[in-house]
N, C-alpha and C. Protein backbone atom coordinates (compact mmCIF):
# COMPACT_ATOMS: atom_id res chain seq x y z
N UNK A 1 82.90 46.85 95.80
CA UNK A 1 82.35 48.19 95.72
C UNK A 1 81.58 48.49 97.00
N UNK A 2 81.71 49.70 97.45
CA UNK A 2 81.07 50.13 98.67
C UNK A 2 79.56 50.20 98.49
N UNK A 3 78.84 49.75 99.49
CA UNK A 3 77.38 49.81 99.45
C UNK A 3 76.93 51.25 99.67
N UNK A 4 76.30 51.83 98.67
CA UNK A 4 75.86 53.22 98.75
C UNK A 4 74.46 53.31 99.31
N UNK A 5 74.26 54.25 100.22
CA UNK A 5 72.92 54.55 100.69
C UNK A 5 72.46 55.79 99.95
N UNK A 6 71.36 55.67 99.28
CA UNK A 6 70.84 56.77 98.50
C UNK A 6 69.96 57.65 99.37
N UNK A 7 70.14 58.93 99.23
CA UNK A 7 69.29 59.91 99.90
C UNK A 7 68.37 60.51 98.86
N UNK A 8 67.12 60.58 99.17
CA UNK A 8 66.15 61.18 98.26
C UNK A 8 65.95 62.62 98.67
N UNK A 9 66.12 63.52 97.70
CA UNK A 9 66.02 64.95 97.97
C UNK A 9 64.87 65.51 97.13
N UNK A 10 63.75 65.80 97.76
CA UNK A 10 62.63 66.37 96.99
C UNK A 10 62.97 67.80 96.55
N UNK A 11 62.60 68.12 95.34
CA UNK A 11 62.88 69.45 94.79
C UNK A 11 61.57 70.01 94.24
N UNK A 12 61.27 71.23 94.60
CA UNK A 12 60.08 71.89 94.06
C UNK A 12 60.48 72.82 92.94
N UNK A 13 59.67 72.82 91.90
CA UNK A 13 59.90 73.74 90.80
C UNK A 13 58.57 74.00 90.10
N UNK A 14 58.57 75.09 89.38
CA UNK A 14 57.36 75.43 88.63
C UNK A 14 57.26 74.51 87.41
N UNK A 15 56.11 74.50 86.80
CA UNK A 15 55.91 73.71 85.59
C UNK A 15 56.89 74.15 84.49
N UNK A 16 57.08 75.45 84.38
CA UNK A 16 58.00 76.01 83.39
C UNK A 16 59.44 75.53 83.64
N UNK A 17 59.87 75.56 84.90
CA UNK A 17 61.21 75.10 85.25
C UNK A 17 61.37 73.61 84.94
N UNK A 18 60.34 72.84 85.26
CA UNK A 18 60.39 71.41 85.02
C UNK A 18 60.48 71.12 83.51
N UNK A 19 59.71 71.84 82.72
CA UNK A 19 59.75 71.65 81.27
C UNK A 19 61.13 71.99 80.72
N UNK A 20 61.74 73.07 81.21
CA UNK A 20 63.10 73.43 80.78
C UNK A 20 64.11 72.37 81.18
N UNK A 21 63.96 71.84 82.38
CA UNK A 21 64.84 70.79 82.86
C UNK A 21 64.72 69.55 81.97
N UNK A 22 63.51 69.16 81.66
CA UNK A 22 63.30 67.97 80.82
C UNK A 22 63.84 68.18 79.41
N UNK A 23 63.66 69.38 78.85
CA UNK A 23 64.20 69.66 77.52
C UNK A 23 65.71 69.55 77.52
N UNK A 24 66.34 70.11 78.54
CA UNK A 24 67.81 70.05 78.63
C UNK A 24 68.27 68.60 78.79
N UNK A 25 67.57 67.83 79.61
CA UNK A 25 67.95 66.44 79.84
C UNK A 25 67.76 65.60 78.57
N UNK A 26 66.70 65.88 77.83
CA UNK A 26 66.44 65.12 76.60
C UNK A 26 67.49 65.40 75.52
N UNK A 27 68.08 66.60 75.55
CA UNK A 27 69.12 66.95 74.57
C UNK A 27 70.44 66.25 74.87
N UNK A 28 70.61 65.80 76.10
CA UNK A 28 71.87 65.20 76.53
C UNK A 28 71.79 63.68 76.41
N UNK A 29 72.42 63.11 75.40
CA UNK A 29 72.30 61.66 75.18
C UNK A 29 73.02 60.83 76.25
N UNK A 30 73.89 61.45 77.03
CA UNK A 30 74.64 60.72 78.06
C UNK A 30 73.82 60.34 79.27
N UNK A 31 72.61 60.82 79.35
CA UNK A 31 71.78 60.54 80.52
C UNK A 31 70.46 59.90 80.14
N UNK A 32 70.55 58.92 79.25
CA UNK A 32 69.36 58.19 78.84
C UNK A 32 69.48 56.75 79.32
N UNK A 33 68.34 56.20 79.69
CA UNK A 33 68.29 54.80 80.09
C UNK A 33 68.26 53.92 78.84
N UNK A 34 68.46 52.63 79.01
CA UNK A 34 68.43 51.72 77.87
C UNK A 34 67.08 51.77 77.16
N UNK A 35 66.05 52.07 77.93
CA UNK A 35 64.71 52.14 77.35
C UNK A 35 64.52 53.40 76.49
N UNK A 36 65.48 54.33 76.57
CA UNK A 36 65.37 55.57 75.82
C UNK A 36 64.82 56.73 76.64
N UNK A 37 64.31 56.42 77.82
CA UNK A 37 63.81 57.48 78.69
C UNK A 37 64.97 58.24 79.32
N UNK A 38 64.69 59.44 79.75
CA UNK A 38 65.71 60.30 80.36
C UNK A 38 65.93 59.87 81.81
N UNK A 39 67.20 59.76 82.19
CA UNK A 39 67.55 59.50 83.58
C UNK A 39 67.72 60.87 84.24
N UNK A 40 66.63 61.42 84.71
CA UNK A 40 66.61 62.77 85.24
C UNK A 40 67.49 62.91 86.48
N UNK A 41 67.49 61.92 87.34
CA UNK A 41 68.31 61.98 88.55
C UNK A 41 69.79 62.09 88.21
N UNK A 42 70.24 61.26 87.28
CA UNK A 42 71.65 61.29 86.88
C UNK A 42 71.99 62.61 86.20
N UNK A 43 71.08 63.09 85.36
CA UNK A 43 71.30 64.36 84.68
C UNK A 43 71.45 65.49 85.70
N UNK A 44 70.59 65.54 86.69
CA UNK A 44 70.65 66.60 87.71
C UNK A 44 71.93 66.49 88.54
N UNK A 45 72.31 65.27 88.93
CA UNK A 45 73.55 65.10 89.69
C UNK A 45 74.75 65.58 88.89
N UNK A 46 74.77 65.23 87.60
CA UNK A 46 75.89 65.64 86.75
C UNK A 46 75.96 67.16 86.66
N UNK A 47 74.83 67.81 86.51
CA UNK A 47 74.80 69.27 86.41
C UNK A 47 75.23 69.93 87.71
N UNK A 48 74.75 69.44 88.80
CA UNK A 48 75.05 70.04 90.10
C UNK A 48 76.53 69.91 90.43
N UNK A 49 77.08 68.73 90.22
CA UNK A 49 78.45 68.48 90.66
C UNK A 49 79.50 68.78 89.60
N UNK A 50 79.12 69.10 88.38
CA UNK A 50 80.11 69.41 87.35
C UNK A 50 80.86 70.69 87.68
N UNK A 51 80.23 71.64 88.35
CA UNK A 51 80.88 72.90 88.69
C UNK A 51 81.93 72.71 89.77
N UNK A 52 81.78 71.69 90.58
CA UNK A 52 82.76 71.45 91.63
C UNK A 52 84.05 70.88 91.06
N UNK A 53 83.98 70.32 89.88
CA UNK A 53 85.16 69.68 89.29
C UNK A 53 86.09 70.66 88.57
N UNK A 54 85.58 71.84 88.17
CA UNK A 54 86.43 72.72 87.38
C UNK A 54 86.26 74.22 87.71
N UNK A 55 86.22 74.60 88.98
CA UNK A 55 86.08 76.04 89.27
C UNK A 55 87.29 76.86 88.82
N UNK A 56 88.48 76.25 88.83
CA UNK A 56 89.67 76.98 88.38
C UNK A 56 89.60 77.28 86.89
N UNK A 57 89.08 76.36 86.11
CA UNK A 57 88.94 76.56 84.67
C UNK A 57 87.95 77.68 84.39
N UNK A 58 86.86 77.69 85.14
CA UNK A 58 85.87 78.76 84.97
C UNK A 58 86.47 80.10 85.33
N UNK A 59 87.21 80.17 86.44
CA UNK A 59 87.82 81.43 86.88
C UNK A 59 88.85 81.91 85.88
N UNK A 60 89.64 81.01 85.30
CA UNK A 60 90.62 81.40 84.28
C UNK A 60 89.93 82.01 83.07
N UNK A 61 88.84 81.40 82.66
CA UNK A 61 88.10 81.91 81.50
C UNK A 61 87.54 83.30 81.80
N UNK A 62 86.98 83.48 82.98
CA UNK A 62 86.44 84.78 83.37
C UNK A 62 87.55 85.83 83.43
N UNK A 63 88.69 85.47 84.02
CA UNK A 63 89.82 86.40 84.10
C UNK A 63 90.31 86.80 82.71
N UNK A 64 90.36 85.83 81.79
CA UNK A 64 90.78 86.12 80.43
C UNK A 64 89.82 87.07 79.73
N UNK A 65 88.53 86.88 79.94
CA UNK A 65 87.53 87.76 79.34
C UNK A 65 87.63 89.17 79.91
N UNK A 66 87.84 89.28 81.21
CA UNK A 66 87.99 90.59 81.85
C UNK A 66 89.21 91.31 81.28
N UNK A 67 90.31 90.57 81.12
CA UNK A 67 91.53 91.14 80.55
C UNK A 67 91.26 91.70 79.15
N UNK A 68 90.57 90.91 78.32
CA UNK A 68 90.27 91.35 76.95
C UNK A 68 89.40 92.61 76.96
N UNK A 69 88.41 92.66 77.84
CA UNK A 69 87.55 93.85 77.92
C UNK A 69 88.37 95.08 78.31
N UNK A 70 89.24 94.93 79.29
CA UNK A 70 90.07 96.07 79.72
C UNK A 70 90.99 96.55 78.60
N UNK A 71 91.60 95.60 77.91
CA UNK A 71 92.53 95.93 76.83
C UNK A 71 91.79 96.68 75.71
N UNK A 72 90.65 96.17 75.32
CA UNK A 72 89.87 96.82 74.27
C UNK A 72 89.38 98.18 74.74
N UNK A 73 88.93 98.26 75.98
CA UNK A 73 88.46 99.54 76.53
C UNK A 73 89.55 100.59 76.54
N UNK A 74 90.77 100.21 76.90
CA UNK A 74 91.90 101.14 76.89
C UNK A 74 92.16 101.65 75.47
N UNK A 75 92.15 100.76 74.50
CA UNK A 75 92.36 101.17 73.11
C UNK A 75 91.27 102.12 72.64
N UNK A 76 90.03 101.82 72.97
CA UNK A 76 88.91 102.69 72.59
C UNK A 76 89.09 104.07 73.20
N UNK A 77 89.46 104.12 74.47
CA UNK A 77 89.65 105.42 75.14
C UNK A 77 90.77 106.23 74.49
N UNK A 78 91.87 105.59 74.14
CA UNK A 78 92.99 106.30 73.53
C UNK A 78 92.60 106.89 72.17
N UNK A 79 91.92 106.08 71.36
CA UNK A 79 91.52 106.57 70.04
C UNK A 79 90.46 107.66 70.18
N UNK A 80 89.51 107.48 71.07
CA UNK A 80 88.46 108.49 71.25
C UNK A 80 89.06 109.82 71.72
N UNK A 81 90.04 109.75 72.61
CA UNK A 81 90.68 110.98 73.10
C UNK A 81 91.38 111.71 71.94
N UNK A 82 92.06 110.95 71.10
CA UNK A 82 92.76 111.55 69.96
C UNK A 82 91.76 112.18 68.99
N UNK A 83 90.67 111.48 68.71
CA UNK A 83 89.66 112.01 67.79
C UNK A 83 89.00 113.25 68.38
N UNK A 84 88.67 113.22 69.67
CA UNK A 84 88.00 114.36 70.31
C UNK A 84 88.90 115.58 70.45
N UNK A 85 90.21 115.38 70.42
CA UNK A 85 91.13 116.52 70.52
C UNK A 85 91.50 117.07 69.14
N UNK A 86 90.78 116.64 68.11
CA UNK A 86 90.96 117.09 66.74
C UNK A 86 92.31 116.69 66.13
N UNK A 87 92.97 115.70 66.71
CA UNK A 87 94.21 115.17 66.13
C UNK A 87 93.96 113.84 65.44
N UNK A 88 92.73 113.42 65.42
CA UNK A 88 92.38 112.13 64.84
C UNK A 88 92.39 112.17 63.33
N UNK A 89 92.69 111.02 62.76
CA UNK A 89 92.69 110.88 61.30
C UNK A 89 91.64 109.83 60.93
N UNK A 90 91.48 109.63 59.64
CA UNK A 90 90.55 108.62 59.16
C UNK A 90 91.00 107.23 59.62
N UNK A 91 92.32 107.05 59.74
CA UNK A 91 92.84 105.77 60.24
C UNK A 91 92.45 105.53 61.69
N UNK A 92 92.40 106.60 62.48
CA UNK A 92 91.99 106.47 63.88
C UNK A 92 90.52 106.07 63.97
N UNK A 93 89.72 106.62 63.10
CA UNK A 93 88.31 106.27 63.08
C UNK A 93 88.14 104.81 62.68
N UNK A 94 88.94 104.36 61.72
CA UNK A 94 88.91 102.95 61.30
C UNK A 94 89.35 102.05 62.45
N UNK A 95 90.39 102.49 63.17
CA UNK A 95 90.86 101.70 64.32
C UNK A 95 89.78 101.62 65.40
N UNK A 96 89.09 102.74 65.62
CA UNK A 96 88.01 102.75 66.61
C UNK A 96 86.93 101.76 66.21
N UNK A 97 86.60 101.71 64.94
CA UNK A 97 85.59 100.76 64.45
C UNK A 97 86.05 99.33 64.71
N UNK A 98 87.32 99.05 64.47
CA UNK A 98 87.86 97.71 64.70
C UNK A 98 87.78 97.35 66.18
N UNK A 99 88.15 98.29 67.06
CA UNK A 99 88.09 98.03 68.50
C UNK A 99 86.66 97.80 68.96
N UNK A 100 85.73 98.57 68.41
CA UNK A 100 84.32 98.38 68.78
C UNK A 100 83.81 97.01 68.28
N UNK A 101 84.26 96.60 67.11
CA UNK A 101 83.91 95.27 66.60
C UNK A 101 84.49 94.18 67.50
N UNK A 102 85.74 94.38 67.95
CA UNK A 102 86.36 93.43 68.87
C UNK A 102 85.58 93.35 70.18
N UNK A 103 85.12 94.51 70.64
CA UNK A 103 84.33 94.53 71.87
C UNK A 103 83.04 93.74 71.68
N UNK A 104 82.42 93.89 70.53
CA UNK A 104 81.20 93.13 70.22
C UNK A 104 81.49 91.63 70.21
N UNK A 105 82.61 91.25 69.58
CA UNK A 105 82.99 89.84 69.50
C UNK A 105 83.22 89.27 70.89
N UNK A 106 83.95 89.99 71.74
CA UNK A 106 84.21 89.52 73.09
C UNK A 106 82.93 89.44 73.91
N UNK A 107 82.02 90.38 73.70
CA UNK A 107 80.74 90.34 74.40
C UNK A 107 79.96 89.09 74.01
N UNK A 108 79.98 88.77 72.73
CA UNK A 108 79.31 87.55 72.27
C UNK A 108 79.95 86.30 72.87
N UNK A 109 81.28 86.32 73.02
CA UNK A 109 81.97 85.19 73.64
C UNK A 109 81.53 85.03 75.09
N UNK A 110 81.38 86.15 75.80
CA UNK A 110 80.94 86.09 77.20
C UNK A 110 79.54 85.49 77.27
N UNK A 111 78.65 85.96 76.40
CA UNK A 111 77.28 85.43 76.40
C UNK A 111 77.26 83.95 76.08
N UNK A 112 78.05 83.53 75.11
CA UNK A 112 78.12 82.12 74.76
C UNK A 112 78.68 81.30 75.93
N UNK A 113 79.72 81.82 76.57
CA UNK A 113 80.31 81.13 77.72
C UNK A 113 79.29 80.97 78.83
N UNK A 114 78.54 82.04 79.11
CA UNK A 114 77.54 81.98 80.18
C UNK A 114 76.40 81.03 79.83
N UNK A 115 76.00 81.01 78.57
CA UNK A 115 74.97 80.07 78.15
C UNK A 115 75.45 78.63 78.28
N UNK A 116 76.69 78.37 77.89
CA UNK A 116 77.24 77.03 78.01
C UNK A 116 77.40 76.64 79.48
N UNK A 117 77.78 77.58 80.29
CA UNK A 117 77.93 77.34 81.72
C UNK A 117 76.58 77.00 82.32
N UNK A 118 75.56 77.70 81.87
CA UNK A 118 74.20 77.46 82.34
C UNK A 118 73.70 76.08 81.94
N UNK A 119 74.13 75.61 80.75
CA UNK A 119 73.69 74.31 80.27
C UNK A 119 74.41 73.16 80.95
N UNK A 120 75.59 73.42 81.48
CA UNK A 120 76.38 72.34 82.12
C UNK A 120 75.85 72.03 83.44
């Protein structure tokens, strides 16, 4: 095995940021020492470099979410136009409700994705 030279990189953060970092590290069982203490250095390295391993996967997910938003938005616009031109029926109003619910669901997926991305 190659002899690694470790570089020490000092990082400044507020007390609040440090507490959040420690909470996140404590929740991750993969970065604990045998003694049970958190291996903060390993946790930070894993978080920093995990994004370099899968940028294509992240971009695909973002592209898929954008596609869903556009598709739902187009449907909402079509139904709204029909309703506003007085050609709408009760079924159109029901469809609009479904599309708006879908939009809410997709928005929640985006928020969940961003939260998970933030935790990684």
